[in-house]
Amino acid sequence: MVTHQMATCECQACVETRLREEMRVTEELLASANAVLALIPECPQHGQNCHPHQREWIEQQLQLREAAWALVGLVEAWMMGPLFKTAGIQWLEPPPALALMKSLLSIPPSDEVPR
């Protein structure tokens, strides 16, 4: 019994089927990318589709996130550090404010995110 290998077959019907599937996937990816780009504020000079502005905005957001994580680290070091221990304050678990800051920044810092 011979099985038809559509993935490698070069007949017109198989090629058209593969192309239709590739177009469907490409259109889904494009729609998803456009939905993400629509979340970025418009460039004041060039409007919604200014790619340099979009890239700059994303880079600014990444820098803000990294700065926020650095601030959380400083707050954590301060709250769990020697000043509190010498004052007799020993946290059994991280303080609620610290836990809240970490939950608001649920995305890990960039050194933990694959690029």
C-alpha atoms as a PDB file:
ATOM      1  CA  MET A   1       0.000   0.000   0.000  1.00  0.00           C
ATOM      2  CA  VAL A   2       1.373   3.398  -0.991  1.00  0.00           C
ATOM      3  CA  THR A   3       0.653   6.317   1.335  1.00  0.00           C
ATOM      4  CA  HIS A   4       0.400   9.848   0.050  1.00  0.00           C
ATOM      5  CA  GLN A   5       3.002  12.178   1.616  1.00  0.00           C
ATOM      6  CA  MET A   6       1.277  15.546   1.265  1.00  0.00           C
ATOM      7  CA  ALA A   7       4.119  17.354   3.082  1.00  0.00           C
ATOM      8  CA  THR A   8       6.587  16.420   0.345  1.00  0.00           C
ATOM      9  CA  CYS A   9       4.287  15.819  -2.617  1.00  0.00           C
ATOM     10  CA  GLU A  10       4.649  18.292  -5.486  1.00  0.00           C
ATOM     11  CA  CYS A  11       1.282  17.743  -7.140  1.00  0.00           C
ATOM     12  CA  GLN A  12      -0.761  20.916  -7.605  1.00  0.00           C
ATOM     13  CA  ALA A  13      -3.436  19.984  -5.049  1.00  0.00           C
ATOM     14  CA  CYS A  14      -0.879  19.300  -2.295  1.00  0.00           C
ATOM     15  CA  VAL A  15       1.119  22.446  -3.037  1.00  0.00           C
ATOM     16  CA  GLU A  16      -2.072  24.551  -2.960  1.00  0.00           C
ATOM     17  CA  THR A  17      -3.145  22.951   0.335  1.00  0.00           C
ATOM     18  CA  ARG A  18       0.237  23.666   1.919  1.00  0.00           C
ATOM     19  CA  LEU A  19       0.195  27.252   0.620  1.00  0.00           C
ATOM     20  CA  ARG A  20      -3.329  27.832   1.988  1.00  0.00           C
ATOM     21  CA  GLU A  21      -2.220  26.547   5.405  1.00  0.00           C
ATOM     22  CA  GLU A  22       0.910  28.726   5.348  1.00  0.00           C
ATOM     23  CA  MET A  23      -1.204  31.764   4.412  1.00  0.00           C
ATOM     24  CA  ARG A  24      -3.653  31.032   7.253  1.00  0.00           C
ATOM     25  CA  VAL A  25      -0.826  30.808   9.797  1.00  0.00           C
ATOM     26  CA  THR A  26       0.829  33.939   8.387  1.00  0.00           C
ATOM     27  CA  GLU A  27      -2.444  35.896   8.585  1.00  0.00           C
ATOM     28  CA  GLU A  28      -2.941  34.791  12.217  1.00  0.00           C
ATOM     29  CA  LEU A  29       0.595  35.887  13.118  1.00  0.00           C
ATOM     30  CA  LEU A  30       0.120  39.219  11.358  1.00  0.00           C
ATOM     31  CA  ALA A  31      -3.203  39.836  13.123  1.00  0.00           C
ATOM     32  CA  SER A  32      -1.590  39.026  16.461  1.00  0.00           C
ATOM     33  CA  ALA A  33       1.362  41.338  15.793  1.00  0.00           C
ATOM     34  CA  ASN A  34      -0.973  44.143  14.692  1.00  0.00           C
ATOM     35  CA  ALA A  35      -3.043  43.717  17.865  1.00  0.00           C
ATOM     36  CA  VAL A  36       0.114  44.159  19.959  1.00  0.00           C
ATOM     37  CA  LEU A  37       1.274  47.171  17.928  1.00  0.00           C
ATOM     38  CA  ALA A  38      -2.169  48.774  18.342  1.00  0.00           C
ATOM     39  CA  LEU A  39      -1.523  48.906  22.108  1.00  0.00           C
ATOM     40  CA  ILE A  40       1.444  51.247  21.572  1.00  0.00           C
ATOM     41  CA  PRO A  41       0.567  54.963  21.678  1.00  0.00           C
ATOM     42  CA  GLU A  42       0.684  56.787  18.355  1.00  0.00           C
ATOM     43  CA  CYS A  43       3.766  58.659  17.259  1.00  0.00           C
ATOM     44  CA  PRO A  44       2.927  62.369  17.620  1.00  0.00           C
ATOM     45  CA  GLN A  45       4.582  63.154  14.271  1.00  0.00           C
ATOM     46  CA  HIS A  46       3.866  60.128  12.074  1.00  0.00           C
ATOM     47  CA  GLY A  47       0.794  58.396  13.484  1.00  0.00           C
ATOM     48  CA  GLN A  48       0.110  54.772  14.368  1.00  0.00           C
ATOM     49  CA  ASN A  49       2.476  52.942  12.001  1.00  0.00           C
ATOM     50  CA  CYS A  50       5.756  54.661  12.868  1.00  0.00           C
ATOM     51  CA  HIS A  51       8.079  51.708  13.446  1.00  0.00           C
ATOM     52  CA  PRO A  52      10.978  53.730  14.942  1.00  0.00           C
ATOM     53  CA  HIS A  53       8.549  55.188  17.523  1.00  0.00           C
ATOM     54  CA  GLN A  54       7.117  51.739  18.287  1.00  0.00           C
ATOM     55  CA  ARG A  55      10.589  50.278  18.830  1.00  0.00           C
ATOM     56  CA  GLU A  56      11.618  53.231  21.023  1.00  0.00           C
ATOM     57  CA  TRP A  57       8.425  52.926  23.085  1.00  0.00           C
ATOM     58  CA  ILE A  58       8.986  49.195  23.664  1.00  0.00           C
ATOM     59  CA  GLU A  59      12.613  49.805  24.663  1.00  0.00           C
ATOM     60  CA  GLN A  60      11.477  52.509  27.124  1.00  0.00           C
ATOM     61  CA  GLN A  61       8.962  50.094  28.662  1.00  0.00           C
ATOM     62  CA  LEU A  62      11.676  47.450  29.091  1.00  0.00           C
ATOM     63  CA  GLN A  63      13.951  50.000  30.767  1.00  0.00           C
ATOM     64  CA  LEU A  64      11.116  51.073  33.087  1.00  0.00           C
ATOM     65  CA  ARG A  65      10.467  47.455  34.032  1.00  0.00           C
ATOM     66  CA  GLU A  66      14.146  46.865  34.753  1.00  0.00           C
ATOM     67  CA  ALA A  67      14.267  50.030  36.872  1.00  0.00           C
ATOM     68  CA  ALA A  68      11.154  48.907  38.765  1.00  0.00           C
ATOM     69  CA  TRP A  69      12.732  45.504  39.449  1.00  0.00           C
ATOM     70  CA  ALA A  70      15.885  47.234  40.684  1.00  0.00           C
ATOM     71  CA  LEU A  71      13.760  49.358  43.009  1.00  0.00           C
ATOM     72  CA  VAL A  72      11.976  46.267  44.326  1.00  0.00           C
ATOM     73  CA  GLY A  73      15.370  44.685  44.965  1.00  0.00           C
ATOM     74  CA  LEU A  74      16.518  47.735  46.909  1.00  0.00           C
ATOM     75  CA  VAL A  75      13.306  47.826  48.945  1.00  0.00           C
ATOM     76  CA  GLU A  76      13.619  44.115  49.663  1.00  0.00           C
ATOM     77  CA  ALA A  77      17.250  44.470  50.725  1.00  0.00           C
ATOM     78  CA  TRP A  78      16.318  47.375  52.983  1.00  0.00           C
ATOM     79  CA  MET A  79      13.288  45.649  54.524  1.00  0.00           C
ATOM     80  CA  MET A  80      15.098  42.376  55.077  1.00  0.00           C
ATOM     81  CA  GLY A  81      18.429  43.983  55.957  1.00  0.00           C
ATOM     82  CA  PRO A  82      20.393  44.746  59.103  1.00  0.00           C
ATOM     83  CA  LEU A  83      18.529  47.951  60.005  1.00  0.00           C
ATOM     84  CA  PHE A  84      15.325  46.036  60.595  1.00  0.00           C
ATOM     85  CA  LYS A  85      17.148  43.166  62.305  1.00  0.00           C
ATOM     86  CA  THR A  86      18.912  45.504  64.769  1.00  0.00           C
ATOM     87  CA  ALA A  87      15.541  47.117  65.495  1.00  0.00           C
ATOM     88  CA  GLY A  88      14.258  43.662  66.404  1.00  0.00           C
ATOM     89  CA  ILE A  89      12.025  43.295  63.359  1.00  0.00           C
ATOM     90  CA  GLN A  90      12.291  39.858  61.796  1.00  0.00           C
ATOM     91  CA  TRP A  91       9.980  39.169  58.874  1.00  0.00           C
ATOM     92  CA  LEU A  92       8.662  35.615  58.856  1.00  0.00           C
ATOM     93  CA  GLU A  93       7.619  36.138  55.267  1.00  0.00           C
ATOM     94  CA  PRO A  94       8.087  39.032  52.857  1.00  0.00           C
ATOM     95  CA  PRO A  95       6.042  42.074  53.885  1.00  0.00           C
ATOM     96  CA  PRO A  96       2.718  42.487  52.032  1.00  0.00           C
ATOM     97  CA  ALA A  97       3.886  45.674  50.317  1.00  0.00           C
ATOM     98  CA  LEU A  98       6.885  43.842  48.913  1.00  0.00           C
ATOM     99  CA  ALA A  99       4.729  40.933  47.748  1.00  0.00           C
ATOM    100  CA  LEU A 100       2.364  43.421  46.092  1.00  0.00           C
ATOM    101  CA  MET A 101       5.210  45.145  44.250  1.00  0.00           C
ATOM    102  CA  LYS A 102       6.474  41.783  43.006  1.00  0.00           C
ATOM    103  CA  SER A 103       3.011  40.704  41.853  1.00  0.00           C
ATOM    104  CA  LEU A 104       2.529  43.985  39.964  1.00  0.00           C
ATOM    105  CA  LEU A 105       5.813  43.280  38.211  1.00  0.00           C
ATOM    106  CA  SER A 106       4.948  39.684  37.452  1.00  0.00           C
ATOM    107  CA  ILE A 107       7.152  39.689  34.356  1.00  0.00           C
ATOM    108  CA  PRO A 108      10.703  38.734  35.377  1.00  0.00           C
ATOM    109  CA  PRO A 109      13.562  41.154  34.736  1.00  0.00           C
ATOM    110  CA  SER A 110      15.172  41.030  31.298  1.00  0.00           C
ATOM    111  CA  ASP A 111      18.097  38.841  32.402  1.00  0.00           C
ATOM    112  CA  GLU A 112      15.529  36.081  33.034  1.00  0.00           C
ATOM    113  CA  VAL A 113      13.639  36.560  29.753  1.00  0.00           C
ATOM    114  CA  PRO A 114      14.996  34.821  26.657  1.00  0.00           C
ATOM    115  CA  ARG A 115      15.585  37.284  23.821  1.00  0.00           C
END
